[in-house]
C-alpha atoms as a PDB file:
ATOM      1  CA  UNK A   1      56.401  83.293 105.737  1.00  0.00           C
ATOM      2  CA  UNK A   2      57.816  85.547 108.426  1.00  0.00           C
ATOM      3  CA  UNK A   3      58.040  89.276 107.746  1.00  0.00           C
ATOM      4  CA  UNK A   4      60.243  92.123 109.001  1.00  0.00           C
ATOM      5  CA  UNK A   5      62.928  89.669 110.179  1.00  0.00           C
ATOM      6  CA  UNK A   6      60.471  88.090 112.614  1.00  0.00           C
ATOM      7  CA  UNK A   7      60.495  84.372 113.315  1.00  0.00           C
ATOM      8  CA  UNK A   8      57.848  82.160 111.762  1.00  0.00           C
ATOM      9  CA  UNK A   9      55.643  80.654 114.448  1.00  0.00           C
ATOM     10  CA  UNK A  10      55.847  77.312 112.630  1.00  0.00           C
ATOM     11  CA  UNK A  11      59.428  76.900 113.847  1.00  0.00           C
ATOM     12  CA  UNK A  12      59.057  78.335 117.356  1.00  0.00           C
ATOM     13  CA  UNK A  13      59.149  76.394 120.610  1.00  0.00           C
ATOM     14  CA  UNK A  14      58.358  79.320 122.931  1.00  0.00           C
ATOM     15  CA  UNK A  15      56.296  82.483 122.840  1.00  0.00           C
ATOM     16  CA  UNK A  16      58.396  85.616 122.331  1.00  0.00           C
ATOM     17  CA  UNK A  17      58.262  89.158 120.966  1.00  0.00           C
ATOM     18  CA  UNK A  18      60.231  87.982 117.898  1.00  0.00           C
ATOM     19  CA  UNK A  19      57.365  85.959 116.420  1.00  0.00           C
ATOM     20  CA  UNK A  20      55.503  86.952 113.268  1.00  0.00           C
ATOM     21  CA  UNK A  21      52.026  87.442 114.772  1.00  0.00           C
ATOM     22  CA  UNK A  22      49.329  90.092 114.568  1.00  0.00           C
ATOM     23  CA  UNK A  23      46.938  91.494 117.147  1.00  0.00           C
ATOM     24  CA  UNK A  24      43.650  89.562 117.440  1.00  0.00           C
ATOM     25  CA  UNK A  25      41.663  92.794 117.111  1.00  0.00           C
ATOM     26  CA  UNK A  26      42.554  95.486 114.607  1.00  0.00           C
ATOM     27  CA  UNK A  27      42.239  98.866 116.250  1.00  0.00           C
ATOM     28  CA  UNK A  28      40.790 100.462 113.115  1.00  0.00           C
ATOM     29  CA  UNK A  29      37.808  98.096 113.362  1.00  0.00           C
ATOM     30  CA  UNK A  30      36.557  99.923 116.491  1.00  0.00           C
ATOM     31  CA  UNK A  31      34.976 103.326 115.712  1.00  0.00           C
ATOM     32  CA  UNK A  32      36.758 106.209 117.431  1.00  0.00           C
ATOM     33  CA  UNK A  33      39.444 103.961 118.911  1.00  0.00           C
ATOM     34  CA  UNK A  34      42.543 105.695 120.276  1.00  0.00           C
ATOM     35  CA  UNK A  35      44.241 103.329 122.741  1.00  0.00           C
ATOM     36  CA  UNK A  36      43.598 100.141 124.687  1.00  0.00           C
ATOM     37  CA  UNK A  37      42.956 100.329 128.416  1.00  0.00           C
ATOM     38  CA  UNK A  38      44.512  97.501 130.406  1.00  0.00           C
ATOM     39  CA  UNK A  39      41.304  96.641 132.266  1.00  0.00           C
ATOM     40  CA  UNK A  40      42.011  93.042 133.336  1.00  0.00           C
ATOM     41  CA  UNK A  41      45.598  92.030 132.755  1.00  0.00           C
ATOM     42  CA  UNK A  42      47.606  88.832 132.980  1.00  0.00           C
ATOM     43  CA  UNK A  43      48.094  87.822 136.627  1.00  0.00           C
ATOM     44  CA  UNK A  44      50.221  84.706 137.260  1.00  0.00           C
ATOM     45  CA  UNK A  45      49.563  84.658 141.009  1.00  0.00           C
ATOM     46  CA  UNK A  46      47.533  81.741 142.338  1.00  0.00           C
ATOM     47  CA  UNK A  47      44.119  81.933 143.963  1.00  0.00           C
ATOM     48  CA  UNK A  48      42.998  79.906 146.988  1.00  0.00           C
ATOM     49  CA  UNK A  49      42.281  76.919 144.754  1.00  0.00           C
ATOM     50  CA  UNK A  50      45.790  76.961 143.313  1.00  0.00           C
ATOM     51  CA  UNK A  51      44.621  78.280 139.952  1.00  0.00           C
ATOM     52  CA  UNK A  52      46.216  81.169 138.097  1.00  0.00           C
ATOM     53  CA  UNK A  53      44.182  84.308 138.810  1.00  0.00           C
ATOM     54  CA  UNK A  54      44.092  85.447 135.175  1.00  0.00           C
ATOM     55  CA  UNK A  55      45.917  83.567 132.432  1.00  0.00           C
ATOM     56  CA  UNK A  56      45.531  86.203 129.727  1.00  0.00           C
ATOM     57  CA  UNK A  57      44.478  89.700 128.759  1.00  0.00           C
ATOM     58  CA  UNK A  58      40.937  91.028 128.386  1.00  0.00           C
ATOM     59  CA  UNK A  59      40.311  93.229 125.364  1.00  0.00           C
ATOM     60  CA  UNK A  60      37.469  95.017 127.126  1.00  0.00           C
ATOM     61  CA  UNK A  61      38.111  98.757 127.449  1.00  0.00           C
ATOM     62  CA  UNK A  62      39.574 101.532 125.347  1.00  0.00           C
ATOM     63  CA  UNK A  63      40.084 105.282 125.200  1.00  0.00           C
ATOM     64  CA  UNK A  64      38.272 106.931 122.297  1.00  0.00           C
ATOM     65  CA  UNK A  65      38.608 110.066 120.194  1.00  0.00           C
ATOM     66  CA  UNK A  66      35.959 111.848 122.294  1.00  0.00           C
ATOM     67  CA  UNK A  67      38.066 111.578 125.442  1.00  0.00           C
ATOM     68  CA  UNK A  68      35.990 108.765 126.944  1.00  0.00           C
ATOM     69  CA  UNK A  69      37.059 105.556 128.659  1.00  0.00           C
ATOM     70  CA  UNK A  70      34.723 102.986 127.118  1.00  0.00           C
ATOM     71  CA  UNK A  71      34.133  99.673 128.889  1.00  0.00           C
ATOM     72  CA  UNK A  72      32.732  97.112 126.469  1.00  0.00           C
ATOM     73  CA  UNK A  73      33.531  96.466 122.805  1.00  0.00           C
ATOM     74  CA  UNK A  74      31.080  96.616 119.893  1.00  0.00           C
ATOM     75  CA  UNK A  75      29.483  93.188 119.556  1.00  0.00           C
ATOM     76  CA  UNK A  76      30.247  93.185 115.830  1.00  0.00           C
ATOM     77  CA  UNK A  77      33.992  93.463 116.472  1.00  0.00           C
ATOM     78  CA  UNK A  78      35.860  90.947 114.308  1.00  0.00           C
ATOM     79  CA  UNK A  79      38.578  88.842 115.936  1.00  0.00           C
ATOM     80  CA  UNK A  80      41.318  87.469 113.703  1.00  0.00           C
ATOM     81  CA  UNK A  81      43.831  84.640 113.820  1.00  0.00           C
ATOM     82  CA  UNK A  82      47.114  85.931 115.208  1.00  0.00           C
ATOM     83  CA  UNK A  83      48.988  83.379 113.073  1.00  0.00           C
ATOM     84  CA  UNK A  84      48.355  80.311 110.925  1.00  0.00           C
ATOM     85  CA  UNK A  85      46.735  77.506 112.882  1.00  0.00           C
ATOM     86  CA  UNK A  86      44.104  74.799 113.293  1.00  0.00           C
ATOM     87  CA  UNK A  87      40.893  75.611 115.172  1.00  0.00           C
ATOM     88  CA  UNK A  88      39.536  73.656 118.139  1.00  0.00           C
ATOM     89  CA  UNK A  89      36.190  74.843 119.491  1.00  0.00           C
ATOM     90  CA  UNK A  90      34.329  74.019 122.694  1.00  0.00           C
ATOM     91  CA  UNK A  91      31.509  75.090 124.922  1.00  0.00           C
ATOM     92  CA  UNK A  92      32.224  75.501 128.627  1.00  0.00           C
ATOM     93  CA  UNK A  93      33.286  72.572 130.736  1.00  0.00           C
ATOM     94  CA  UNK A  94      30.584  73.459 133.263  1.00  0.00           C
ATOM     95  CA  UNK A  95      27.077  74.669 132.294  1.00  0.00           C
ATOM     96  CA  UNK A  96      27.048  77.270 135.078  1.00  0.00           C
ATOM     97  CA  UNK A  97      29.999  79.002 133.412  1.00  0.00           C
ATOM     98  CA  UNK A  98      27.708  79.977 130.554  1.00  0.00           C
ATOM     99  CA  UNK A  99      25.663  81.990 133.057  1.00  0.00           C
ATOM    100  CA  UNK A 100      28.880  83.798 133.981  1.00  0.00           C
ATOM    101  CA  UNK A 101      29.367  84.727 130.309  1.00  0.00           C
ATOM    102  CA  UNK A 102      32.219  82.346 129.505  1.00  0.00           C
ATOM    103  CA  UNK A 103      30.101  80.816 126.728  1.00  0.00           C
ATOM    104  CA  UNK A 104      32.357  79.338 124.025  1.00  0.00           C
ATOM    105  CA  UNK A 105      36.095  79.194 123.578  1.00  0.00           C
ATOM    106  CA  UNK A 106      38.419  78.598 120.656  1.00  0.00           C
ATOM    107  CA  UNK A 107      41.995  77.367 120.608  1.00  0.00           C
ATOM    108  CA  UNK A 108      44.256  77.818 117.594  1.00  0.00           C
ATOM    109  CA  UNK A 109      47.108  75.309 117.530  1.00  0.00           C
ATOM    110  CA  UNK A 110      49.953  77.004 115.699  1.00  0.00           C
ATOM    111  CA  UNK A 111      52.669  74.352 115.421  1.00  0.00           C
ATOM    112  CA  UNK A 112      53.844  70.876 116.375  1.00  0.00           C
ATOM    113  CA  UNK A 113      55.584  72.249 119.480  1.00  0.00           C
ATOM    114  CA  UNK A 114      52.119  72.942 120.891  1.00  0.00           C
ATOM    115  CA  UNK A 115      52.107  76.746 120.818  1.00  0.00           C
ATOM    116  CA  UNK A 116      48.471  77.838 120.924  1.00  0.00           C
ATOM    117  CA  UNK A 117      46.352  80.950 121.302  1.00  0.00           C
ATOM    118  CA  UNK A 118      43.042  80.984 123.181  1.00  0.00           C
ATOM    119  CA  UNK A 119      39.920  83.105 122.684  1.00  0.00           C
ATOM    120  CA  UNK A 120      36.985  83.126 125.121  1.00  0.00           C
ATOM    121  CA  UNK A 121      33.504  84.718 125.308  1.00  0.00           C
ATOM    122  CA  UNK A 122      33.080  84.227 121.579  1.00  0.00           C
ATOM    123  CA  UNK A 123      30.919  82.977 118.720  1.00  0.00           C
ATOM    124  CA  UNK A 124      33.026  80.987 116.209  1.00  0.00           C
ATOM    125  CA  UNK A 125      33.017  81.871 112.519  1.00  0.00           C
ATOM    126  CA  UNK A 126      35.048  78.791 111.547  1.00  0.00           C
ATOM    127  CA  UNK A 127      34.547  75.053 111.926  1.00  0.00           C
ATOM    128  CA  UNK A 128      36.218  72.536 114.229  1.00  0.00           C
ATOM    129  CA  UNK A 129      39.507  71.428 112.673  1.00  0.00           C
ATOM    130  CA  UNK A 130      39.512  74.215 110.094  1.00  0.00           C
ATOM    131  CA  UNK A 131      42.908  75.506 108.957  1.00  0.00           C
ATOM    132  CA  UNK A 132      43.136  79.286 109.202  1.00  0.00           C
ATOM    133  CA  UNK A 133      45.704  81.809 108.050  1.00  0.00           C
ATOM    134  CA  UNK A 134      47.143  84.762 109.912  1.00  0.00           C
ATOM    135  CA  UNK A 135      44.652  87.637 109.775  1.00  0.00           C
ATOM    136  CA  UNK A 136      41.635  85.497 108.867  1.00  0.00           C
ATOM    137  CA  UNK A 137      38.385  86.456 110.655  1.00  0.00           C
ATOM    138  CA  UNK A 138      37.743  83.558 113.045  1.00  0.00           C
ATOM    139  CA  UNK A 139      35.089  84.756 115.483  1.00  0.00           C
ATOM    140  CA  UNK A 140      32.897  87.531 116.770  1.00  0.00           C
ATOM    141  CA  UNK A 141      32.326  88.528 120.365  1.00  0.00           C
ATOM    142  CA  UNK A 142      29.535  87.114 122.520  1.00  0.00           C
ATOM    143  CA  UNK A 143      26.935  89.428 124.032  1.00  0.00           C
ATOM    144  CA  UNK A 144      25.215  87.872 127.037  1.00  0.00           C
ATOM    145  CA  UNK A 145      21.416  88.265 127.168  1.00  0.00           C
ATOM    146  CA  UNK A 146      21.603  88.031 130.946  1.00  0.00           C
ATOM    147  CA  UNK A 147      23.182  90.267 133.553  1.00  0.00           C
ATOM    148  CA  UNK A 148      24.437  93.803 133.120  1.00  0.00           C
ATOM    149  CA  UNK A 149      27.943  92.510 133.845  1.00  0.00           C
ATOM    150  CA  UNK A 150      27.603  89.958 131.078  1.00  0.00           C
ATOM    151  CA  UNK A 151      26.781  92.683 128.589  1.00  0.00           C
ATOM    152  CA  UNK A 152      30.297  94.063 128.880  1.00  0.00           C
ATOM    153  CA  UNK A 153      31.340  92.595 125.565  1.00  0.00           C
ATOM    154  CA  UNK A 154      34.997  91.583 125.585  1.00  0.00           C
ATOM    155  CA  UNK A 155      37.580  89.081 124.420  1.00  0.00           C
ATOM    156  CA  UNK A 156      39.570  87.017 126.915  1.00  0.00           C
ATOM    157  CA  UNK A 157      42.789  86.284 125.035  1.00  0.00           C
ATOM    158  CA  UNK A 158      45.566  83.991 126.221  1.00  0.00           C
ATOM    159  CA  UNK A 159      48.760  82.355 124.955  1.00  0.00           C
ATOM    160  CA  UNK A 160      50.250  79.059 126.058  1.00  0.00           C
ATOM    161  CA  UNK A 161      50.910  75.485 125.028  1.00  0.00           C
ATOM    162  CA  UNK A 162      48.729  72.453 124.455  1.00  0.00           C
ATOM    163  CA  UNK A 163      49.576  69.669 126.946  1.00  0.00           C
ATOM    164  CA  UNK A 164      51.529  66.798 125.398  1.00  0.00           C
ATOM    165  CA  UNK A 165      48.785  64.381 126.470  1.00  0.00           C
ATOM    166  CA  UNK A 166      46.275  66.229 124.337  1.00  0.00           C
ATOM    167  CA  UNK A 167      43.619  68.790 125.181  1.00  0.00           C
ATOM    168  CA  UNK A 168      40.928  67.282 127.446  1.00  0.00           C
ATOM    169  CA  UNK A 169      39.417  70.717 128.000  1.00  0.00           C
ATOM    170  CA  UNK A 170      39.808  73.380 125.356  1.00  0.00           C
ATOM    171  CA  UNK A 171      40.348  75.952 128.118  1.00  0.00           C
ATOM    172  CA  UNK A 172      43.370  74.127 129.561  1.00  0.00           C
ATOM    173  CA  UNK A 173      46.521  75.565 128.026  1.00  0.00           C
ATOM    174  CA  UNK A 174      49.700  75.236 130.045  1.00  0.00           C
ATOM    175  CA  UNK A 175      52.686  77.565 130.470  1.00  0.00           C
ATOM    176  CA  UNK A 176      50.562  80.632 129.736  1.00  0.00           C
ATOM    177  CA  UNK A 177      52.505  83.850 129.162  1.00  0.00           C
ATOM    178  CA  UNK A 178      51.592  87.522 129.318  1.00  0.00           C
ATOM    179  CA  UNK A 179      50.236  88.516 125.867  1.00  0.00           C
ATOM    180  CA  UNK A 180      51.719  91.989 126.361  1.00  0.00           C
ATOM    181  CA  UNK A 181      55.197  90.416 126.343  1.00  0.00           C
ATOM    182  CA  UNK A 182      54.603  88.922 122.891  1.00  0.00           C
ATOM    183  CA  UNK A 183      53.010  91.819 121.049  1.00  0.00           C
ATOM    184  CA  UNK A 184      55.745  94.440 120.919  1.00  0.00           C
ATOM    185  CA  UNK A 185      53.413  97.010 119.345  1.00  0.00           C
ATOM    186  CA  UNK A 186      50.891  96.596 122.150  1.00  0.00           C
ATOM    187  CA  UNK A 187      50.784  99.639 124.402  1.00  0.00           C
ATOM    188  CA  UNK A 188      47.906 100.527 126.643  1.00  0.00           C
ATOM    189  CA  UNK A 189      46.666 102.620 129.527  1.00  0.00           C
ATOM    190  CA  UNK A 190      46.129 101.076 132.963  1.00  0.00           C
ATOM    191  CA  UNK A 191      42.789 100.776 134.757  1.00  0.00           C
ATOM    192  CA  UNK A 192      42.819 101.091 138.544  1.00  0.00           C
ATOM    193  CA  UNK A 193      41.405  98.999 140.110  1.00  0.00           C
ATOM    194  CA  UNK A 194      41.530  96.129 137.675  1.00  0.00           C
ATOM    195  CA  UNK A 195      38.444  94.242 136.511  1.00  0.00           C
ATOM    196  CA  UNK A 196      35.970  96.772 137.927  1.00  0.00           C
ATOM    197  CA  UNK A 197      33.104  98.706 136.382  1.00  0.00           C
ATOM    198  CA  UNK A 198      34.224 101.850 138.209  1.00  0.00           C
ATOM    199  CA  UNK A 199      37.882 102.617 137.589  1.00  0.00           C
ATOM    200  CA  UNK A 200      40.363 105.403 136.981  1.00  0.00           C
ATOM    201  CA  UNK A 201      43.161 105.691 134.437  1.00  0.00           C
ATOM    202  CA  UNK A 202      46.133 107.379 136.139  1.00  0.00           C
ATOM    203  CA  UNK A 203      47.728 108.357 132.801  1.00  0.00           C
ATOM    204  CA  UNK A 204      44.648 110.385 131.817  1.00  0.00           C
ATOM    205  CA  UNK A 205      43.189 113.534 133.300  1.00  0.00           C
ATOM    206  CA  UNK A 206      39.711 112.649 132.108  1.00  0.00           C
ATOM    207  CA  UNK A 207      37.500 110.622 134.439  1.00  0.00           C
ATOM    208  CA  UNK A 208      34.539 110.209 132.099  1.00  0.00           C
ATOM    209  CA  UNK A 209      33.610 106.553 131.687  1.00  0.00           C
ATOM    210  CA  UNK A 210      31.064 104.933 129.431  1.00  0.00           C
ATOM    211  CA  UNK A 211      29.781 101.413 130.073  1.00  0.00           C
ATOM    212  CA  UNK A 212      28.787 100.208 126.637  1.00  0.00           C
ATOM    213  CA  UNK A 213      26.166  97.474 126.874  1.00  0.00           C
ATOM    214  CA  UNK A 214      25.296  97.640 123.175  1.00  0.00           C
ATOM    215  CA  UNK A 215      21.730  96.499 123.728  1.00  0.00           C
END
């Protein structure tokens, strides 16, 4: 049931800020958390192959109570269902993607209109086809045993629709939208440049950065 006059996702045909959803990661679950840093944001522009550059938002960096910009989440961070749904789980379409830390993905189908949320770089805590409720723990984050880059533990989170002809690849949602446009309570600092180990946060005076590999 929807709360606070928000619309139930069961009846929605489009993603919007009026939907009754919750953040996939609860801020209180990260020790010392103060604010998210927008480290790798939604980018609808197309690359040379005609693919969207970044179809979601990476929960990867945050500002903590010690005045540090931390890149990398604790591997034990719990990720929760943003709304009621049915889980679909897959490994990567291409084995080499596992080397690049894509590992496994999960899609939650939220209604018959095809609205779905996607979660990548994860280890599932639920089974294929399992029905989950809003707020249920559904996965934990994947920590790559390989490269230093892969040890930057993070969640790639995206929102879109399941194609009407089904879901041949669990990664292939269509009509992806900016997650920041859906979560009205979601405010964050901006990393510059984006998607880089060395970055600045213009809104902060501090320049101290911590790359958290959580070995």
